[in-house]
Amino acid sequence: MMIEDLVELLAEPGQPNFFYDALDAALARRVGHKLLTLLYKDGDEVARVYSNMPDVYPVFGRKPMGVTPWGDLVLRRQQPFLGRDREAIKWAFFDHELIESLGLGSAINIPVVYDGETIGTINLLDEEFFYTEEHVGIARRFAPLLIPAFLEARRGNIPPTA
């Protein structure tokens, strides 16, 4: 599925869950990931609205991220994070031990920005040393597609997950 197909999908009924599933498949093909989560920003926390591992990373789980070094980079300065190895994961995430226990050791976090404000993130994780700058460039192209869903989530208009 190409980005253009995802844009057309936004008009279909069943949003945002139908879109999230299609986005997951598209990111898996274009970038690759073992774990995908989508987080919207709510004050100094981020709230999970999608996870392809809901048993480990449940939807609507919250994490304090706005006052961390990762939060400064991704949420405040609106820069992607590329963590190539376990040391970078440890620097970025308080739950790094859980991440490592899942066999994950690299990450890409892409800020979703609307009207000058970070409203959420795309979070991709895979094995150590999997991701490169090229992967970041590809993943960034998907971020604007999440603006409608993240704005609705912030307004409290979140349908139950399928």
C-alpha atoms as a PDB file:
ATOM      1  CA  MET A   1       0.000   0.000   0.000  1.00  0.00           C
ATOM      2  CA  MET A   2       1.358   3.389  -1.010  1.00  0.00           C
ATOM      3  CA  ILE A   3       0.928   6.662   0.871  1.00  0.00           C
ATOM      4  CA  GLU A   4      -1.653   7.741  -1.711  1.00  0.00           C
ATOM      5  CA  ASP A   5      -3.728   4.658  -0.874  1.00  0.00           C
ATOM      6  CA  LEU A   6      -3.587   5.527   2.822  1.00  0.00           C
ATOM      7  CA  VAL A   7      -4.764   9.073   2.075  1.00  0.00           C
ATOM      8  CA  GLU A   8      -7.814   7.702   0.256  1.00  0.00           C
ATOM      9  CA  LEU A   9      -8.433   5.261   3.102  1.00  0.00           C
ATOM     10  CA  LEU A  10      -8.877   8.152   5.561  1.00  0.00           C
ATOM     11  CA  ALA A  11     -12.240   8.939   3.940  1.00  0.00           C
ATOM     12  CA  GLU A  12     -13.582   5.424   4.519  1.00  0.00           C
ATOM     13  CA  PRO A  13     -15.804   4.520   7.490  1.00  0.00           C
ATOM     14  CA  GLY A  14     -14.281   2.693  10.430  1.00  0.00           C
ATOM     15  CA  GLN A  15     -11.632   5.233  11.363  1.00  0.00           C
ATOM     16  CA  PRO A  16      -9.206   5.359  12.901  1.00  0.00           C
ATOM     17  CA  ASN A  17      -8.780   1.615  13.523  1.00  0.00           C
ATOM     18  CA  PHE A  18      -9.098   0.635   9.862  1.00  0.00           C
ATOM     19  CA  PHE A  19      -6.456   3.234   8.996  1.00  0.00           C
ATOM     20  CA  TYR A  20      -4.142   2.169  11.851  1.00  0.00           C
ATOM     21  CA  ASP A  21      -4.154  -1.440  10.625  1.00  0.00           C
ATOM     22  CA  ALA A  22      -3.379  -0.360   7.058  1.00  0.00           C
ATOM     23  CA  LEU A  23      -0.654   2.001   8.285  1.00  0.00           C
ATOM     24  CA  ASP A  24       0.878  -0.855  10.290  1.00  0.00           C
ATOM     25  CA  ALA A  25       1.019  -3.026   7.163  1.00  0.00           C
ATOM     26  CA  ALA A  26       2.442  -0.200   5.027  1.00  0.00           C
ATOM     27  CA  LEU A  27       5.148   0.658   7.579  1.00  0.00           C
ATOM     28  CA  ALA A  28       6.039  -3.029   7.931  1.00  0.00           C
ATOM     29  CA  ARG A  29       6.625  -3.250   4.181  1.00  0.00           C
ATOM     30  CA  ARG A  30       8.303   0.120   3.633  1.00  0.00           C
ATOM     31  CA  VAL A  31      10.363   0.488   6.829  1.00  0.00           C
ATOM     32  CA  GLY A  32      10.099  -2.748   8.808  1.00  0.00           C
ATOM     33  CA  HIS A  33       9.245  -3.257  12.458  1.00  0.00           C
ATOM     34  CA  LYS A  34       8.574  -5.864  15.093  1.00  0.00           C
ATOM     35  CA  LEU A  35       6.789  -3.357  17.338  1.00  0.00           C
ATOM     36  CA  LEU A  36       4.702  -0.395  16.208  1.00  0.00           C
ATOM     37  CA  THR A  37       2.988   1.950  18.612  1.00  0.00           C
ATOM     38  CA  LEU A  38       1.220   5.223  17.928  1.00  0.00           C
ATOM     39  CA  LEU A  39       1.129   7.772  20.741  1.00  0.00           C
ATOM     40  CA  TYR A  40      -0.714  11.058  20.974  1.00  0.00           C
ATOM     41  CA  LYS A  41       0.541  13.826  23.251  1.00  0.00           C
ATOM     42  CA  ASP A  42      -1.643  14.767  26.208  1.00  0.00           C
ATOM     43  CA  GLY A  43       0.010  17.327  28.474  1.00  0.00           C
ATOM     44  CA  ASP A  44       3.308  15.929  29.782  1.00  0.00           C
ATOM     45  CA  GLU A  45       2.301  12.369  28.908  1.00  0.00           C
ATOM     46  CA  VAL A  46       1.774  10.399  25.755  1.00  0.00           C
ATOM     47  CA  ALA A  47      -1.161   8.002  25.426  1.00  0.00           C
ATOM     48  CA  ARG A  48      -1.018   4.918  23.235  1.00  0.00           C
ATOM     49  CA  VAL A  49      -3.803   4.660  20.640  1.00  0.00           C
ATOM     50  CA  TYR A  50      -2.375   1.744  18.642  1.00  0.00           C
ATOM     51  CA  SER A  51      -0.050  -1.165  19.322  1.00  0.00           C
ATOM     52  CA  ASN A  52       0.687  -4.275  17.315  1.00  0.00           C
ATOM     53  CA  MET A  53       1.659  -5.918  20.647  1.00  0.00           C
ATOM     54  CA  PRO A  54      -1.328  -4.971  22.835  1.00  0.00           C
ATOM     55  CA  ASP A  55      -0.568  -7.640  25.441  1.00  0.00           C
ATOM     56  CA  VAL A  56       2.780  -5.984  26.190  1.00  0.00           C
ATOM     57  CA  TYR A  57       2.016  -2.391  25.154  1.00  0.00           C
ATOM     58  CA  PRO A  58      -1.731  -1.940  25.677  1.00  0.00           C
ATOM     59  CA  VAL A  59      -3.753   0.674  23.882  1.00  0.00           C
ATOM     60  CA  PHE A  60      -4.468   3.721  26.042  1.00  0.00           C
ATOM     61  CA  GLY A  61      -1.450   3.041  28.223  1.00  0.00           C
ATOM     62  CA  ARG A  62       0.211   6.292  29.298  1.00  0.00           C
ATOM     63  CA  LYS A  63       3.883   7.167  29.625  1.00  0.00           C
ATOM     64  CA  PRO A  64       5.535  10.288  31.057  1.00  0.00           C
ATOM     65  CA  MET A  65       7.671  11.521  28.186  1.00  0.00           C
ATOM     66  CA  GLY A  66       7.490  15.302  28.029  1.00  0.00           C
ATOM     67  CA  VAL A  67      10.233  15.966  30.586  1.00  0.00           C
ATOM     68  CA  THR A  68      12.788  13.368  29.471  1.00  0.00           C
ATOM     69  CA  PRO A  69      15.769  13.874  27.142  1.00  0.00           C
ATOM     70  CA  TRP A  70      13.818  11.857  24.544  1.00  0.00           C
ATOM     71  CA  GLY A  71      10.824  14.139  25.067  1.00  0.00           C
ATOM     72  CA  ASP A  72      13.007  17.203  24.601  1.00  0.00           C
ATOM     73  CA  LEU A  73      14.317  15.859  21.295  1.00  0.00           C
ATOM     74  CA  VAL A  74      11.146  14.392  19.797  1.00  0.00           C
ATOM     75  CA  LEU A  75       8.256  16.250  21.442  1.00  0.00           C
ATOM     76  CA  ARG A  76       9.715  19.707  22.076  1.00  0.00           C
ATOM     77  CA  ARG A  77      12.323  20.088  19.306  1.00  0.00           C
ATOM     78  CA  GLN A  78      10.267  17.974  16.863  1.00  0.00           C
ATOM     79  CA  GLN A  79      13.244  15.929  15.683  1.00  0.00           C
ATOM     80  CA  PRO A  80      13.119  12.214  14.868  1.00  0.00           C
ATOM     81  CA  PHE A  81      14.980   9.846  17.173  1.00  0.00           C
ATOM     82  CA  LEU A  82      17.086   7.101  15.642  1.00  0.00           C
ATOM     83  CA  GLY A  83      18.327   4.648  18.239  1.00  0.00           C
ATOM     84  CA  ARG A  84      20.514   2.096  16.516  1.00  0.00           C
ATOM     85  CA  ASP A  85      21.480  -0.013  19.511  1.00  0.00           C
ATOM     86  CA  ARG A  86      20.602  -1.044  23.063  1.00  0.00           C
ATOM     87  CA  GLU A  87      22.596   1.831  24.581  1.00  0.00           C
ATOM     88  CA  ALA A  88      20.480   4.324  22.645  1.00  0.00           C
ATOM     89  CA  ILE A  89      17.314   2.513  23.748  1.00  0.00           C
ATOM     90  CA  LYS A  90      18.494   2.700  27.367  1.00  0.00           C
ATOM     91  CA  TRP A  91      19.125   6.452  26.983  1.00  0.00           C
ATOM     92  CA  ALA A  92      15.676   7.069  25.532  1.00  0.00           C
ATOM     93  CA  PHE A  93      13.221   4.808  27.351  1.00  0.00           C
ATOM     94  CA  PHE A  94      12.576   4.025  31.006  1.00  0.00           C
ATOM     95  CA  ASP A  95      11.132   0.636  29.934  1.00  0.00           C
ATOM     96  CA  HIS A  96      14.337  -0.358  28.119  1.00  0.00           C
ATOM     97  CA  GLU A  97      14.545  -3.679  29.992  1.00  0.00           C
ATOM     98  CA  LEU A  98      11.115  -4.696  28.690  1.00  0.00           C
ATOM     99  CA  ILE A  99      12.103  -3.582  25.196  1.00  0.00           C
ATOM    100  CA  GLU A 100      15.287  -5.649  25.344  1.00  0.00           C
ATOM    101  CA  SER A 101      13.391  -8.682  26.696  1.00  0.00           C
ATOM    102  CA  LEU A 102      11.302  -8.604  23.503  1.00  0.00           C
ATOM    103  CA  GLY A 103      14.449  -8.888  21.380  1.00  0.00           C
ATOM    104  CA  LEU A 104      14.238  -5.256  20.331  1.00  0.00           C
ATOM    105  CA  GLY A 105      17.333  -3.084  20.211  1.00  0.00           C
ATOM    106  CA  SER A 106      16.754  -0.261  17.731  1.00  0.00           C
ATOM    107  CA  ALA A 107      14.050   2.362  17.384  1.00  0.00           C
ATOM    108  CA  ILE A 108      12.731   5.164  15.242  1.00  0.00           C
ATOM    109  CA  ASN A 109      10.415   7.778  16.746  1.00  0.00           C
ATOM    110  CA  ILE A 110       8.827  10.253  14.361  1.00  0.00           C
ATOM    111  CA  PRO A 111       7.048  13.344  15.708  1.00  0.00           C
ATOM    112  CA  VAL A 112       3.637  14.123  14.235  1.00  0.00           C
ATOM    113  CA  VAL A 113       3.401  17.916  14.069  1.00  0.00           C
ATOM    114  CA  TYR A 114       0.343  20.056  13.381  1.00  0.00           C
ATOM    115  CA  ASP A 115       0.154  23.861  13.503  1.00  0.00           C
ATOM    116  CA  GLY A 116       3.630  24.039  15.030  1.00  0.00           C
ATOM    117  CA  GLU A 117       2.809  21.630  17.881  1.00  0.00           C
ATOM    118  CA  THR A 118       3.836  18.012  18.352  1.00  0.00           C
ATOM    119  CA  ILE A 119       0.594  16.077  18.723  1.00  0.00           C
ATOM    120  CA  GLY A 120       1.935  12.529  18.684  1.00  0.00           C
ATOM    121  CA  THR A 121       4.580  10.078  17.548  1.00  0.00           C
ATOM    122  CA  ILE A 122       5.096   7.052  15.343  1.00  0.00           C
ATOM    123  CA  ASN A 123       7.265   4.512  17.177  1.00  0.00           C
ATOM    124  CA  LEU A 124       8.952   1.658  15.348  1.00  0.00           C
ATOM    125  CA  LEU A 125      11.192  -0.901  17.038  1.00  0.00           C
ATOM    126  CA  ASP A 126      13.167  -3.834  15.691  1.00  0.00           C
ATOM    127  CA  GLU A 127      16.315  -5.814  16.406  1.00  0.00           C
ATOM    128  CA  GLU A 128      19.558  -4.046  17.285  1.00  0.00           C
ATOM    129  CA  PHE A 129      21.250  -2.195  14.394  1.00  0.00           C
ATOM    130  CA  PHE A 130      18.225  -2.675  12.092  1.00  0.00           C
ATOM    131  CA  TYR A 131      17.408   0.994  11.430  1.00  0.00           C
ATOM    132  CA  THR A 132      19.332   3.597   9.416  1.00  0.00           C
ATOM    133  CA  GLU A 133      18.812   7.232   8.428  1.00  0.00           C
ATOM    134  CA  GLU A 134      17.177   5.950   5.236  1.00  0.00           C
ATOM    135  CA  HIS A 135      14.477   4.250   7.332  1.00  0.00           C
ATOM    136  CA  VAL A 136      13.890   7.530   9.189  1.00  0.00           C
ATOM    137  CA  GLY A 137      13.363   9.368   5.902  1.00  0.00           C
ATOM    138  CA  ILE A 138      10.797   6.840   4.732  1.00  0.00           C
ATOM    139  CA  ALA A 139       8.939   6.776   8.061  1.00  0.00           C
ATOM    140  CA  ARG A 140       8.714  10.598   8.213  1.00  0.00           C
ATOM    141  CA  ARG A 141       6.529  10.635   5.108  1.00  0.00           C
ATOM    142  CA  PHE A 142       3.772   8.798   6.985  1.00  0.00           C
ATOM    143  CA  ALA A 143       3.524  11.238   9.925  1.00  0.00           C
ATOM    144  CA  PRO A 144       1.110  13.806   8.410  1.00  0.00           C
ATOM    145  CA  LEU A 145      -1.418  11.050   7.745  1.00  0.00           C
ATOM    146  CA  LEU A 146      -1.929  10.667  11.504  1.00  0.00           C
ATOM    147  CA  ILE A 147      -2.929  14.285  12.144  1.00  0.00           C
ATOM    148  CA  PRO A 148      -6.722  13.737  11.909  1.00  0.00           C
ATOM    149  CA  ALA A 149      -6.697  10.668  14.170  1.00  0.00           C
ATOM    150  CA  PHE A 150      -4.436  12.274  16.776  1.00  0.00           C
ATOM    151  CA  LEU A 151      -6.533  15.452  16.877  1.00  0.00           C
ATOM    152  CA  GLU A 152      -9.658  13.355  17.427  1.00  0.00           C
ATOM    153  CA  ALA A 153      -7.917  11.369  20.170  1.00  0.00           C
ATOM    154  CA  ARG A 154      -6.938  14.586  21.943  1.00  0.00           C
ATOM    155  CA  ARG A 155     -10.564  15.715  21.807  1.00  0.00           C
ATOM    156  CA  GLY A 156     -11.594  12.457  23.452  1.00  0.00           C
ATOM    157  CA  ASN A 157     -13.218  11.071  20.300  1.00  0.00           C
ATOM    158  CA  ILE A 158     -11.577   7.664  20.397  1.00  0.00           C
ATOM    159  CA  PRO A 159     -13.650   4.715  19.187  1.00  0.00           C
ATOM    160  CA  PRO A 160     -13.189   1.351  20.881  1.00  0.00           C
ATOM    161  CA  THR A 161     -10.440  -0.708  19.308  1.00  0.00           C
ATOM    162  CA  ALA A 162     -11.374  -3.599  17.083  1.00  0.00           C
END
